[in-house]
Amino acid sequence: MCGQFEASIRARQVLADLDESQVVDLPRPDVVKPTLAAPVLIANPESRKPEVAPMRFGLVPHWYKGYFKDWKATTFNARIEEVDDKPAFKGAFRYRRAIVPAEAFYEWSGPKGARTKWRITRADNQPLGLAAIWDEATCFEGGLFSFAILTRAAGEQMSAIHDREPIVLPRGLWSDWINLRPVDLAAPAPLRLVNMEAPQSFL
């Protein structure tokens, strides 16, 4: 799965490559965890131009009308095999897609009490483009923009430590994805896994 990631310090450049008129600076935490905000690349619903906006990690669907704090569902990841069927996700998957630019994401392996932390990046040192969906909910406190990262069965590299992985799209497909055009979600990205307990150890 993907429960923690490093928001890309290159989000500004990512957007400039797509549309220089929309460049903005956004604050980011070092590590993004569920309920924190991160810069997310979307197509503006009205103009269809690419833009980067801060959104909450952990999707709250548009039909939810309660308080932020009362949304307890675990919706920071969405399985690609069932995203088009789940009530919380299906509307966003069909109409509101996003890319989360990230430098790395984290995963843990091993038994409880002896877990190993791994930092995963692209093997070519380019930013990760995590395929995501987003939504806008009108809660009691006001409007809330949020997102979930799509996951699939682990590829050859990730399967050594976990049975799932986030879907990483190559840079050339980011625009197609956010504009709802067909995209191959099966092709694995080249990944580098670093054991954080022993940084010299790679997979």
N, C-alpha and C. Protein backbone atom coordinates (compact mmCIF):
# COMPACT_ATOMS: atom_id res chain seq x y z
N MET A 1 0.84 -1.18 0.00
CA MET A 1 0.00 0.00 0.00
C MET A 1 0.88 1.24 0.00
N CYS A 2 0.31 2.40 0.23
CA CYS A 2 1.10 3.63 0.26
C CYS A 2 0.50 4.55 1.30
N GLY A 3 1.06 4.49 2.53
CA GLY A 3 0.53 5.28 3.62
C GLY A 3 1.37 6.48 3.98
N GLN A 4 2.61 6.54 3.48
CA GLN A 4 3.48 7.69 3.72
C GLN A 4 4.33 7.94 2.49
N PHE A 5 4.50 9.21 2.14
CA PHE A 5 5.34 9.55 1.00
C PHE A 5 5.94 10.93 1.20
N GLU A 6 6.99 11.21 0.44
CA GLU A 6 7.62 12.53 0.45
C GLU A 6 7.06 13.32 -0.73
N ALA A 7 6.35 14.40 -0.43
CA ALA A 7 5.83 15.25 -1.50
C ALA A 7 7.01 15.82 -2.29
N SER A 8 6.86 15.90 -3.60
CA SER A 8 7.99 16.27 -4.45
C SER A 8 8.38 17.73 -4.27
N ILE A 9 9.67 17.95 -4.04
CA ILE A 9 10.18 19.32 -4.00
C ILE A 9 10.21 19.90 -5.40
N ARG A 10 9.93 19.07 -6.40
CA ARG A 10 9.93 19.53 -7.80
C ARG A 10 8.53 19.73 -8.35
N ALA A 11 7.52 19.83 -7.47
CA ALA A 11 6.14 20.02 -7.94
C ALA A 11 6.01 21.29 -8.78
N ARG A 12 6.74 22.35 -8.39
CA ARG A 12 6.70 23.59 -9.17
C ARG A 12 7.20 23.36 -10.59
N GLN A 13 8.30 22.63 -10.75
CA GLN A 13 8.85 22.39 -12.07
C GLN A 13 7.95 21.47 -12.89
N VAL A 14 7.34 20.49 -12.23
CA VAL A 14 6.40 19.60 -12.92
C VAL A 14 5.31 20.41 -13.58
N LEU A 15 4.73 21.37 -12.85
CA LEU A 15 3.65 22.17 -13.40
C LEU A 15 4.17 23.10 -14.48
N ALA A 16 5.33 23.68 -14.29
CA ALA A 16 5.89 24.58 -15.29
C ALA A 16 6.09 23.86 -16.62
N ASP A 17 6.45 22.60 -16.57
CA ASP A 17 6.64 21.83 -17.80
C ASP A 17 5.33 21.67 -18.57
N LEU A 18 4.20 21.67 -17.85
CA LEU A 18 2.91 21.46 -18.49
C LEU A 18 2.25 22.77 -18.88
N ASP A 19 2.35 23.77 -18.01
CA ASP A 19 1.69 25.04 -18.28
C ASP A 19 2.35 26.12 -17.43
N GLU A 20 3.26 26.88 -18.02
CA GLU A 20 4.04 27.87 -17.27
C GLU A 20 3.17 28.94 -16.63
N SER A 21 1.97 29.20 -17.18
CA SER A 21 1.13 30.26 -16.64
C SER A 21 0.53 29.91 -15.29
N GLN A 22 0.60 28.64 -14.92
CA GLN A 22 -0.06 28.19 -13.69
C GLN A 22 0.91 27.91 -12.54
N VAL A 23 2.17 28.33 -12.67
CA VAL A 23 3.16 28.00 -11.65
C VAL A 23 2.82 28.66 -10.32
N VAL A 24 2.89 27.85 -9.25
CA VAL A 24 2.64 28.36 -7.90
C VAL A 24 3.64 27.70 -6.96
N ASP A 25 3.88 28.35 -5.84
CA ASP A 25 4.70 27.76 -4.77
C ASP A 25 3.76 27.23 -3.70
N LEU A 26 4.01 26.00 -3.24
CA LEU A 26 3.17 25.40 -2.22
C LEU A 26 4.02 24.86 -1.09
N PRO A 27 3.62 25.09 0.16
CA PRO A 27 4.35 24.48 1.27
C PRO A 27 4.11 22.98 1.28
N ARG A 28 5.01 22.23 1.87
CA ARG A 28 4.83 20.79 1.98
C ARG A 28 5.48 20.29 3.26
N PRO A 29 4.91 19.29 3.90
CA PRO A 29 5.61 18.64 5.00
C PRO A 29 6.68 17.72 4.43
N ASP A 30 7.68 17.38 5.24
CA ASP A 30 8.72 16.48 4.76
C ASP A 30 8.14 15.13 4.37
N VAL A 31 7.28 14.57 5.23
CA VAL A 31 6.64 13.30 4.95
C VAL A 31 5.13 13.48 5.09
N VAL A 32 4.40 13.07 4.08
CA VAL A 32 2.95 13.21 4.08
C VAL A 32 2.33 11.92 4.58
N LYS A 33 1.49 12.04 5.60
CA LYS A 33 0.74 10.92 6.16
C LYS A 33 -0.75 11.21 5.99
N PRO A 34 -1.61 10.20 6.14
CA PRO A 34 -3.05 10.45 6.01
C PRO A 34 -3.53 11.60 6.89
N THR A 35 -4.38 12.43 6.32
CA THR A 35 -5.00 13.65 6.85
C THR A 35 -4.14 14.89 6.65
N LEU A 36 -2.85 14.75 6.27
CA LEU A 36 -2.03 15.91 5.96
C LEU A 36 -2.25 16.33 4.50
N ALA A 37 -1.83 17.54 4.16
CA ALA A 37 -2.01 18.06 2.80
C ALA A 37 -0.75 17.89 1.97
N ALA A 38 -0.94 17.75 0.68
CA ALA A 38 0.18 17.63 -0.25
C ALA A 38 -0.22 18.28 -1.57
N PRO A 39 0.77 18.73 -2.37
CA PRO A 39 0.47 19.28 -3.70
C PRO A 39 0.05 18.16 -4.65
N VAL A 40 -1.05 18.37 -5.35
CA VAL A 40 -1.62 17.36 -6.25
C VAL A 40 -1.87 18.01 -7.61
N LEU A 41 -1.49 17.31 -8.67
CA LEU A 41 -1.69 17.81 -10.03
C LEU A 41 -3.02 17.31 -10.57
N ILE A 42 -3.87 18.25 -11.03
CA ILE A 42 -5.17 17.91 -11.60
C ILE A 42 -5.40 18.74 -12.86
N ALA A 43 -6.45 18.40 -13.60
CA ALA A 43 -6.94 19.26 -14.67
C ALA A 43 -8.09 20.08 -14.09
N ASN A 44 -8.01 21.40 -14.18
CA ASN A 44 -9.07 22.25 -13.65
C ASN A 44 -10.41 21.83 -14.24
N PRO A 45 -11.43 21.59 -13.41
CA PRO A 45 -12.71 21.08 -13.91
C PRO A 45 -13.38 21.97 -14.95
N GLU A 46 -13.10 23.27 -14.93
CA GLU A 46 -13.73 24.18 -15.87
C GLU A 46 -12.85 24.45 -17.09
N SER A 47 -11.60 24.82 -16.88
CA SER A 47 -10.72 25.17 -18.00
C SER A 47 -10.00 23.97 -18.58
N ARG A 48 -9.90 22.88 -17.82
CA ARG A 48 -9.14 21.67 -18.18
C ARG A 48 -7.64 21.93 -18.26
N LYS A 49 -7.19 23.11 -17.81
CA LYS A 49 -5.75 23.37 -17.76
C LYS A 49 -5.16 22.67 -16.54
N PRO A 50 -3.90 22.22 -16.63
CA PRO A 50 -3.28 21.59 -15.46
C PRO A 50 -3.02 22.61 -14.37
N GLU A 51 -3.23 22.19 -13.13
CA GLU A 51 -2.92 23.05 -12.00
C GLU A 51 -2.54 22.17 -10.81
N VAL A 52 -1.80 22.77 -9.89
CA VAL A 52 -1.41 22.08 -8.67
C VAL A 52 -2.14 22.73 -7.51
N ALA A 53 -2.76 21.90 -6.69
CA ALA A 53 -3.51 22.41 -5.54
C ALA A 53 -3.20 21.55 -4.32
N PRO A 54 -3.21 22.15 -3.11
CA PRO A 54 -3.03 21.35 -1.90
C PRO A 54 -4.31 20.60 -1.58
N MET A 55 -4.18 19.31 -1.28
CA MET A 55 -5.34 18.48 -0.94
C MET A 55 -5.00 17.56 0.22
N ARG A 56 -6.02 17.16 0.94
CA ARG A 56 -5.89 16.25 2.08
C ARG A 56 -5.64 14.83 1.60
N PHE A 57 -4.66 14.16 2.19
CA PHE A 57 -4.37 12.76 1.88
C PHE A 57 -5.37 11.88 2.63
N GLY A 58 -6.25 11.26 1.90
CA GLY A 58 -7.35 10.49 2.47
C GLY A 58 -8.65 11.03 1.91
N LEU A 59 -9.19 10.36 0.89
CA LEU A 59 -10.32 10.92 0.15
C LEU A 59 -11.60 10.91 0.96
N VAL A 60 -12.29 12.05 0.95
CA VAL A 60 -13.64 12.18 1.51
C VAL A 60 -14.56 12.46 0.32
N PRO A 61 -15.52 11.56 0.02
CA PRO A 61 -16.32 11.69 -1.19
C PRO A 61 -17.28 12.87 -1.16
N HIS A 62 -17.69 13.29 -2.36
CA HIS A 62 -18.52 14.48 -2.51
C HIS A 62 -19.87 14.36 -1.80
N TRP A 63 -20.35 13.14 -1.61
CA TRP A 63 -21.67 12.96 -1.00
C TRP A 63 -21.65 13.01 0.52
N TYR A 64 -20.46 13.07 1.13
CA TYR A 64 -20.38 13.13 2.59
C TYR A 64 -20.70 14.54 3.06
N LYS A 65 -21.61 14.66 4.04
CA LYS A 65 -22.07 15.98 4.50
C LYS A 65 -21.84 16.20 6.00
N GLY A 66 -21.08 15.35 6.67
CA GLY A 66 -20.87 15.49 8.11
C GLY A 66 -19.69 16.37 8.45
N TYR A 67 -19.11 16.15 9.64
CA TYR A 67 -17.93 16.87 10.08
C TYR A 67 -16.67 16.15 9.59
N PHE A 68 -15.61 16.92 9.30
CA PHE A 68 -14.34 16.31 8.89
C PHE A 68 -13.94 15.20 9.86
N LYS A 69 -13.99 15.52 11.16
CA LYS A 69 -13.47 14.61 12.17
C LYS A 69 -14.25 13.31 12.26
N ASP A 70 -15.46 13.30 11.75
CA ASP A 70 -16.30 12.10 11.85
C ASP A 70 -16.13 11.14 10.67
N TRP A 71 -15.35 11.52 9.68
CA TRP A 71 -15.08 10.61 8.57
C TRP A 71 -13.97 9.65 9.01
N LYS A 72 -14.33 8.40 9.27
CA LYS A 72 -13.39 7.44 9.85
C LYS A 72 -12.93 6.37 8.86
N ALA A 73 -13.47 6.36 7.65
CA ALA A 73 -13.11 5.31 6.68
C ALA A 73 -11.65 5.45 6.27
N THR A 74 -11.01 4.32 5.99
CA THR A 74 -9.63 4.30 5.52
C THR A 74 -9.63 4.45 4.01
N THR A 75 -9.45 5.68 3.53
CA THR A 75 -9.60 5.97 2.10
C THR A 75 -8.39 6.69 1.53
N PHE A 76 -7.21 6.42 2.09
CA PHE A 76 -6.02 7.06 1.52
C PHE A 76 -5.48 6.26 0.34
N ASN A 77 -5.82 4.97 0.25
CA ASN A 77 -5.49 4.15 -0.91
C ASN A 77 -6.76 3.58 -1.52
N ALA A 78 -6.74 3.38 -2.84
CA ALA A 78 -7.87 2.78 -3.56
C ALA A 78 -7.33 1.66 -4.45
N ARG A 79 -7.80 0.45 -4.27
CA ARG A 79 -7.36 -0.68 -5.08
C ARG A 79 -7.91 -0.54 -6.50
N ILE A 80 -7.04 -0.61 -7.50
CA ILE A 80 -7.48 -0.43 -8.88
C ILE A 80 -8.48 -1.50 -9.29
N GLU A 81 -8.39 -2.69 -8.67
CA GLU A 81 -9.30 -3.78 -9.04
C GLU A 81 -10.75 -3.50 -8.64
N GLU A 82 -10.97 -2.60 -7.69
CA GLU A 82 -12.33 -2.36 -7.20
C GLU A 82 -12.70 -0.89 -7.12
N VAL A 83 -11.84 -0.01 -7.62
CA VAL A 83 -12.09 1.43 -7.46
C VAL A 83 -13.35 1.89 -8.18
N ASP A 84 -13.72 1.21 -9.27
CA ASP A 84 -14.90 1.63 -10.03
C ASP A 84 -16.20 1.12 -9.43
N ASP A 85 -16.11 0.34 -8.35
CA ASP A 85 -17.29 -0.20 -7.70
C ASP A 85 -17.54 0.37 -6.31
N LYS A 86 -16.50 0.84 -5.65
CA LYS A 86 -16.63 1.33 -4.28
C LYS A 86 -17.35 2.68 -4.25
N PRO A 87 -18.41 2.83 -3.45
CA PRO A 87 -19.16 4.10 -3.41
C PRO A 87 -18.28 5.32 -3.12
N ALA A 88 -17.27 5.17 -2.26
CA ALA A 88 -16.43 6.31 -1.90
C ALA A 88 -15.53 6.76 -3.05
N PHE A 89 -15.26 5.84 -4.00
CA PHE A 89 -14.25 6.11 -5.02
C PHE A 89 -14.78 6.22 -6.45
N LYS A 90 -15.87 5.58 -6.78
CA LYS A 90 -16.21 5.39 -8.19
C LYS A 90 -16.47 6.70 -8.93
N GLY A 91 -17.09 7.68 -8.29
CA GLY A 91 -17.32 8.96 -8.96
C GLY A 91 -16.01 9.67 -9.27
N ALA A 92 -15.11 9.67 -8.30
CA ALA A 92 -13.81 10.30 -8.51
C ALA A 92 -13.01 9.59 -9.59
N PHE A 93 -13.06 8.26 -9.60
CA PHE A 93 -12.30 7.51 -10.59
C PHE A 93 -12.79 7.82 -12.01
N ARG A 94 -14.06 8.02 -12.17
CA ARG A 94 -14.62 8.26 -13.51
C ARG A 94 -14.41 9.70 -13.98
N TYR A 95 -14.37 10.65 -13.04
CA TYR A 95 -14.40 12.05 -13.46
C TYR A 95 -13.29 12.94 -12.90
N ARG A 96 -12.58 12.52 -11.85
CA ARG A 96 -11.62 13.42 -11.20
C ARG A 96 -10.34 12.64 -10.88
N ARG A 97 -9.39 12.74 -11.78
CA ARG A 97 -8.13 12.00 -11.61
C ARG A 97 -6.98 12.97 -11.36
N ALA A 98 -5.95 12.47 -10.71
CA ALA A 98 -4.85 13.32 -10.26
C ALA A 98 -3.53 12.57 -10.34
N ILE A 99 -2.46 13.34 -10.29
CA ILE A 99 -1.11 12.82 -10.13
C ILE A 99 -0.53 13.44 -8.86
N VAL A 100 0.05 12.59 -8.01
CA VAL A 100 0.73 13.08 -6.82
C VAL A 100 2.23 13.02 -7.09
N PRO A 101 2.89 14.17 -7.32
CA PRO A 101 4.35 14.16 -7.51
C PRO A 101 5.04 13.86 -6.18
N ALA A 102 5.89 12.84 -6.17
CA ALA A 102 6.55 12.43 -4.93
C ALA A 102 8.01 12.12 -5.21
N GLU A 103 8.84 12.36 -4.21
CA GLU A 103 10.24 11.98 -4.29
C GLU A 103 10.42 10.50 -3.92
N ALA A 104 9.59 10.01 -3.00
CA ALA A 104 9.71 8.64 -2.53
C ALA A 104 8.45 8.27 -1.77
N PHE A 105 8.23 6.98 -1.60
CA PHE A 105 7.20 6.52 -0.65
C PHE A 105 7.83 5.47 0.25
N TYR A 106 7.13 5.15 1.35
CA TYR A 106 7.68 4.25 2.35
C TYR A 106 6.84 2.99 2.49
N GLU A 107 7.50 1.90 2.79
CA GLU A 107 6.81 0.65 3.07
C GLU A 107 7.57 -0.09 4.16
N TRP A 108 6.88 -0.97 4.86
CA TRP A 108 7.48 -1.75 5.94
C TRP A 108 7.33 -3.23 5.65
N SER A 109 8.31 -4.00 6.04
CA SER A 109 8.26 -5.45 5.85
C SER A 109 8.68 -6.14 7.14
N GLY A 110 8.38 -7.43 7.23
CA GLY A 110 8.79 -8.20 8.39
C GLY A 110 7.71 -8.32 9.45
N PRO A 111 7.95 -9.11 10.49
CA PRO A 111 6.96 -9.35 11.54
C PRO A 111 6.82 -8.16 12.48
N LYS A 112 5.68 -8.09 13.16
CA LYS A 112 5.48 -7.04 14.15
C LYS A 112 6.56 -7.11 15.21
N GLY A 113 7.04 -5.93 15.59
CA GLY A 113 8.11 -5.86 16.57
C GLY A 113 9.50 -5.90 15.97
N ALA A 114 9.56 -6.27 14.69
CA ALA A 114 10.87 -6.31 14.01
C ALA A 114 10.70 -5.84 12.58
N ARG A 115 9.98 -4.74 12.42
CA ARG A 115 9.66 -4.25 11.09
C ARG A 115 10.86 -3.54 10.47
N THR A 116 11.02 -3.70 9.16
CA THR A 116 12.06 -3.00 8.41
C THR A 116 11.42 -1.92 7.56
N LYS A 117 11.94 -0.71 7.66
CA LYS A 117 11.41 0.42 6.90
C LYS A 117 12.18 0.56 5.60
N TRP A 118 11.44 0.70 4.49
CA TRP A 118 12.03 0.85 3.17
C TRP A 118 11.62 2.20 2.56
N ARG A 119 12.58 2.84 1.92
CA ARG A 119 12.31 4.06 1.14
C ARG A 119 12.41 3.69 -0.34
N ILE A 120 11.33 3.97 -1.09
CA ILE A 120 11.26 3.55 -2.48
C ILE A 120 11.22 4.77 -3.39
N THR A 121 12.12 4.80 -4.36
CA THR A 121 12.19 5.88 -5.34
C THR A 121 12.17 5.28 -6.74
N ARG A 122 12.11 6.14 -7.75
CA ARG A 122 12.33 5.67 -9.10
C ARG A 122 13.81 5.35 -9.26
N ALA A 123 14.12 4.31 -9.99
CA ALA A 123 15.51 3.91 -10.19
C ALA A 123 16.29 4.94 -11.00
N ASP A 124 15.58 5.75 -11.81
CA ASP A 124 16.24 6.76 -12.64
C ASP A 124 16.30 8.13 -11.97
N ASN A 125 15.91 8.19 -10.68
CA ASN A 125 15.96 9.42 -9.89
C ASN A 125 15.00 10.51 -10.34
N GLN A 126 14.06 10.19 -11.20
CA GLN A 126 13.01 11.14 -11.59
C GLN A 126 11.92 11.14 -10.53
N PRO A 127 11.11 12.22 -10.45
CA PRO A 127 10.01 12.21 -9.48
C PRO A 127 9.04 11.08 -9.78
N LEU A 128 8.48 10.52 -8.74
CA LEU A 128 7.40 9.56 -8.90
C LEU A 128 6.11 10.30 -9.25
N GLY A 129 5.37 9.77 -10.20
CA GLY A 129 4.04 10.29 -10.50
C GLY A 129 3.02 9.27 -10.04
N LEU A 130 2.48 9.43 -8.84
CA LEU A 130 1.56 8.46 -8.28
C LEU A 130 0.15 8.71 -8.81
N ALA A 131 -0.43 7.72 -9.48
CA ALA A 131 -1.78 7.85 -10.00
C ALA A 131 -2.76 7.96 -8.84
N ALA A 132 -3.65 8.95 -8.91
CA ALA A 132 -4.56 9.21 -7.80
C ALA A 132 -5.92 9.66 -8.33
N ILE A 133 -6.87 9.74 -7.43
CA ILE A 133 -8.19 10.31 -7.71
C ILE A 133 -8.47 11.37 -6.64
N TRP A 134 -9.32 12.33 -6.96
CA TRP A 134 -9.60 13.39 -5.99
C TRP A 134 -11.09 13.69 -5.96
N ASP A 135 -11.51 14.37 -4.90
CA ASP A 135 -12.92 14.73 -4.77
C ASP A 135 -13.05 15.99 -3.94
N GLU A 136 -14.23 16.58 -3.97
CA GLU A 136 -14.53 17.77 -3.16
C GLU A 136 -15.79 17.51 -2.37
N ALA A 137 -15.67 17.55 -1.06
CA ALA A 137 -16.81 17.34 -0.17
C ALA A 137 -17.20 18.67 0.47
N THR A 138 -18.49 18.85 0.69
CA THR A 138 -18.99 20.02 1.41
C THR A 138 -19.41 19.57 2.80
N CYS A 139 -18.51 19.76 3.75
CA CYS A 139 -18.75 19.33 5.12
C CYS A 139 -19.27 20.50 5.95
N PHE A 140 -19.61 20.24 7.22
CA PHE A 140 -20.11 21.30 8.09
C PHE A 140 -19.10 22.43 8.23
N GLU A 141 -17.80 22.09 8.23
CA GLU A 141 -16.77 23.11 8.40
C GLU A 141 -16.47 23.86 7.10
N GLY A 142 -16.98 23.37 5.98
CA GLY A 142 -16.72 24.00 4.69
C GLY A 142 -16.29 23.00 3.65
N GLY A 143 -15.74 23.50 2.54
CA GLY A 143 -15.32 22.63 1.46
C GLY A 143 -14.00 21.92 1.77
N LEU A 144 -13.88 20.69 1.30
CA LEU A 144 -12.68 19.90 1.54
C LEU A 144 -12.27 19.20 0.26
N PHE A 145 -11.05 19.49 -0.22
CA PHE A 145 -10.48 18.79 -1.36
C PHE A 145 -9.56 17.69 -0.82
N SER A 146 -9.69 16.49 -1.37
CA SER A 146 -8.92 15.36 -0.84
C SER A 146 -8.61 14.37 -1.96
N PHE A 147 -7.69 13.44 -1.69
CA PHE A 147 -7.28 12.50 -2.73
C PHE A 147 -6.95 11.14 -2.13
N ALA A 148 -6.94 10.13 -3.01
CA ALA A 148 -6.50 8.78 -2.66
C ALA A 148 -5.54 8.31 -3.74
N ILE A 149 -4.54 7.56 -3.34
CA ILE A 149 -3.55 7.01 -4.27
C ILE A 149 -3.99 5.61 -4.70
N LEU A 150 -3.92 5.34 -6.00
CA LEU A 150 -4.32 4.04 -6.53
C LEU A 150 -3.20 3.02 -6.33
N THR A 151 -3.59 1.80 -5.99
CA THR A 151 -2.61 0.73 -5.81
C THR A 151 -2.98 -0.48 -6.66
N ARG A 152 -2.01 -1.33 -6.89
CA ARG A 152 -2.20 -2.57 -7.66
C ARG A 152 -1.34 -3.66 -7.03
N ALA A 153 -1.45 -4.86 -7.57
CA ALA A 153 -0.60 -5.95 -7.10
C ALA A 153 0.86 -5.57 -7.32
N ALA A 154 1.72 -5.94 -6.40
CA ALA A 154 3.13 -5.56 -6.47
C ALA A 154 3.80 -6.17 -7.70
N GLY A 155 4.69 -5.38 -8.30
CA GLY A 155 5.51 -5.87 -9.39
C GLY A 155 6.69 -6.67 -8.85
N GLU A 156 7.58 -7.03 -9.74
CA GLU A 156 8.69 -7.91 -9.37
C GLU A 156 9.54 -7.34 -8.24
N GLN A 157 9.83 -6.04 -8.29
CA GLN A 157 10.70 -5.45 -7.27
C GLN A 157 9.99 -5.33 -5.92
N MET A 158 8.78 -4.77 -5.92
CA MET A 158 8.07 -4.56 -4.67
C MET A 158 7.63 -5.85 -4.01
N SER A 159 7.41 -6.89 -4.80
CA SER A 159 6.90 -8.15 -4.24
C SER A 159 7.87 -8.77 -3.24
N ALA A 160 9.12 -8.32 -3.25
CA ALA A 160 10.09 -8.83 -2.28
C ALA A 160 9.77 -8.38 -0.86
N ILE A 161 9.01 -7.28 -0.73
CA ILE A 161 8.70 -6.77 0.61
C ILE A 161 7.21 -6.60 0.88
N HIS A 162 6.37 -6.57 -0.19
CA HIS A 162 4.94 -6.31 0.02
C HIS A 162 4.15 -6.84 -1.17
N ASP A 163 2.86 -7.10 -0.94
CA ASP A 163 2.03 -7.63 -2.03
C ASP A 163 1.28 -6.56 -2.81
N ARG A 164 1.43 -5.27 -2.41
CA ARG A 164 0.78 -4.17 -3.11
C ARG A 164 1.81 -3.07 -3.37
N GLU A 165 1.51 -2.20 -4.34
CA GLU A 165 2.34 -1.04 -4.61
C GLU A 165 1.48 0.07 -5.21
N PRO A 166 1.87 1.34 -5.02
CA PRO A 166 1.16 2.43 -5.69
C PRO A 166 1.41 2.36 -7.20
N ILE A 167 0.45 2.83 -7.97
CA ILE A 167 0.63 2.87 -9.42
C ILE A 167 1.46 4.11 -9.77
N VAL A 168 2.61 3.88 -10.38
CA VAL A 168 3.53 4.95 -10.76
C VAL A 168 3.46 5.12 -12.28
N LEU A 169 3.08 6.32 -12.73
CA LEU A 169 2.96 6.58 -14.15
C LEU A 169 4.17 7.34 -14.67
N PRO A 170 4.67 6.99 -15.86
CA PRO A 170 5.76 7.75 -16.46
C PRO A 170 5.31 9.17 -16.79
N ARG A 171 6.25 10.09 -16.80
CA ARG A 171 5.94 11.52 -17.00
C ARG A 171 5.11 11.76 -18.26
N GLY A 172 5.36 11.01 -19.32
CA GLY A 172 4.64 11.24 -20.56
C GLY A 172 3.16 10.92 -20.51
N LEU A 173 2.72 10.24 -19.45
CA LEU A 173 1.30 9.87 -19.34
C LEU A 173 0.55 10.71 -18.31
N TRP A 174 1.23 11.62 -17.65
CA TRP A 174 0.55 12.39 -16.61
C TRP A 174 -0.62 13.20 -17.16
N SER A 175 -0.39 13.88 -18.27
CA SER A 175 -1.45 14.71 -18.86
C SER A 175 -2.63 13.85 -19.32
N ASP A 176 -2.34 12.70 -19.93
CA ASP A 176 -3.41 11.80 -20.36
C ASP A 176 -4.25 11.35 -19.16
N TRP A 177 -3.58 11.00 -18.07
CA TRP A 177 -4.30 10.50 -16.91
C TRP A 177 -5.24 11.55 -16.33
N ILE A 178 -4.75 12.76 -16.09
CA ILE A 178 -5.61 13.77 -15.46
C ILE A 178 -6.70 14.25 -16.40
N ASN A 179 -6.53 14.04 -17.70
CA ASN A 179 -7.56 14.44 -18.66
C ASN A 179 -8.46 13.28 -19.09
N LEU A 180 -8.43 12.19 -18.31
CA LEU A 180 -9.36 11.07 -18.45
C LEU A 180 -9.19 10.29 -19.74
N ARG A 181 -8.00 10.38 -20.34
CA ARG A 181 -7.74 9.59 -21.54
C ARG A 181 -7.22 8.20 -21.13
N PRO A 182 -7.37 7.20 -22.01
CA PRO A 182 -6.94 5.84 -21.67
C PRO A 182 -5.44 5.80 -21.35
N VAL A 183 -5.11 5.11 -20.29
CA VAL A 183 -3.72 4.98 -19.84
C VAL A 183 -3.48 3.54 -19.41
N ASP A 184 -2.33 2.99 -19.77
CA ASP A 184 -1.95 1.65 -19.35
C ASP A 184 -1.47 1.69 -17.90
N LEU A 185 -2.24 1.11 -17.00
CA LEU A 185 -1.89 1.12 -15.58
C LEU A 185 -1.13 -0.12 -15.16
N ALA A 186 -0.84 -0.99 -16.11
CA ALA A 186 -0.21 -2.26 -15.77
C ALA A 186 1.31 -2.22 -15.87
N ALA A 187 1.86 -1.30 -16.66
CA ALA A 187 3.30 -1.28 -16.88
C ALA A 187 4.02 -0.83 -15.61
N PRO A 188 4.92 -1.63 -15.06
CA PRO A 188 5.61 -1.25 -13.83
C PRO A 188 6.67 -0.18 -14.08
N ALA A 189 6.90 0.65 -13.07
CA ALA A 189 7.98 1.64 -13.14
C ALA A 189 9.24 1.04 -12.54
N PRO A 190 10.42 1.45 -13.03
CA PRO A 190 11.67 0.97 -12.42
C PRO A 190 11.84 1.60 -11.04
N LEU A 191 11.94 0.77 -10.00
CA LEU A 191 11.99 1.27 -8.63
C LEU A 191 13.32 0.90 -7.97
N ARG A 192 13.71 1.72 -6.99
CA ARG A 192 14.87 1.43 -6.16
C ARG A 192 14.40 1.37 -4.71
N LEU A 193 14.67 0.27 -4.02
CA LEU A 193 14.27 0.08 -2.64
C LEU A 193 15.48 0.18 -1.74
N VAL A 194 15.43 1.08 -0.76
CA VAL A 194 16.55 1.27 0.17
C VAL A 194 16.10 0.91 1.57
N ASN A 195 16.82 0.00 2.21
CA ASN A 195 16.57 -0.39 3.59
C ASN A 195 16.99 0.75 4.50
N MET A 196 16.04 1.38 5.20
CA MET A 196 16.35 2.54 6.04
C MET A 196 17.08 2.15 7.32
N GLU A 197 17.03 0.88 7.67
CA GLU A 197 17.77 0.43 8.84
C GLU A 197 19.24 0.20 8.50
N ALA A 198 19.49 -0.06 7.22
CA ALA A 198 20.87 -0.27 6.72
C ALA A 198 20.95 0.38 5.35
N PRO A 199 21.15 1.73 5.29
CA PRO A 199 21.05 2.48 4.03
C PRO A 199 21.89 1.96 2.89
N GLN A 200 22.91 1.18 3.17
CA GLN A 200 23.73 0.64 2.09
C GLN A 200 23.05 -0.55 1.41
N SER A 201 21.92 -1.01 1.97
CA SER A 201 21.25 -2.19 1.45
C SER A 201 20.18 -1.78 0.45
N PHE A 202 20.29 -2.26 -0.80
CA PHE A 202 19.34 -1.93 -1.86
C PHE A 202 18.67 -3.20 -2.35
N LEU A 203 17.45 -3.00 -2.91
CA LEU A 203 16.78 -4.07 -3.66
C LEU A 203 16.39 -3.53 -5.01
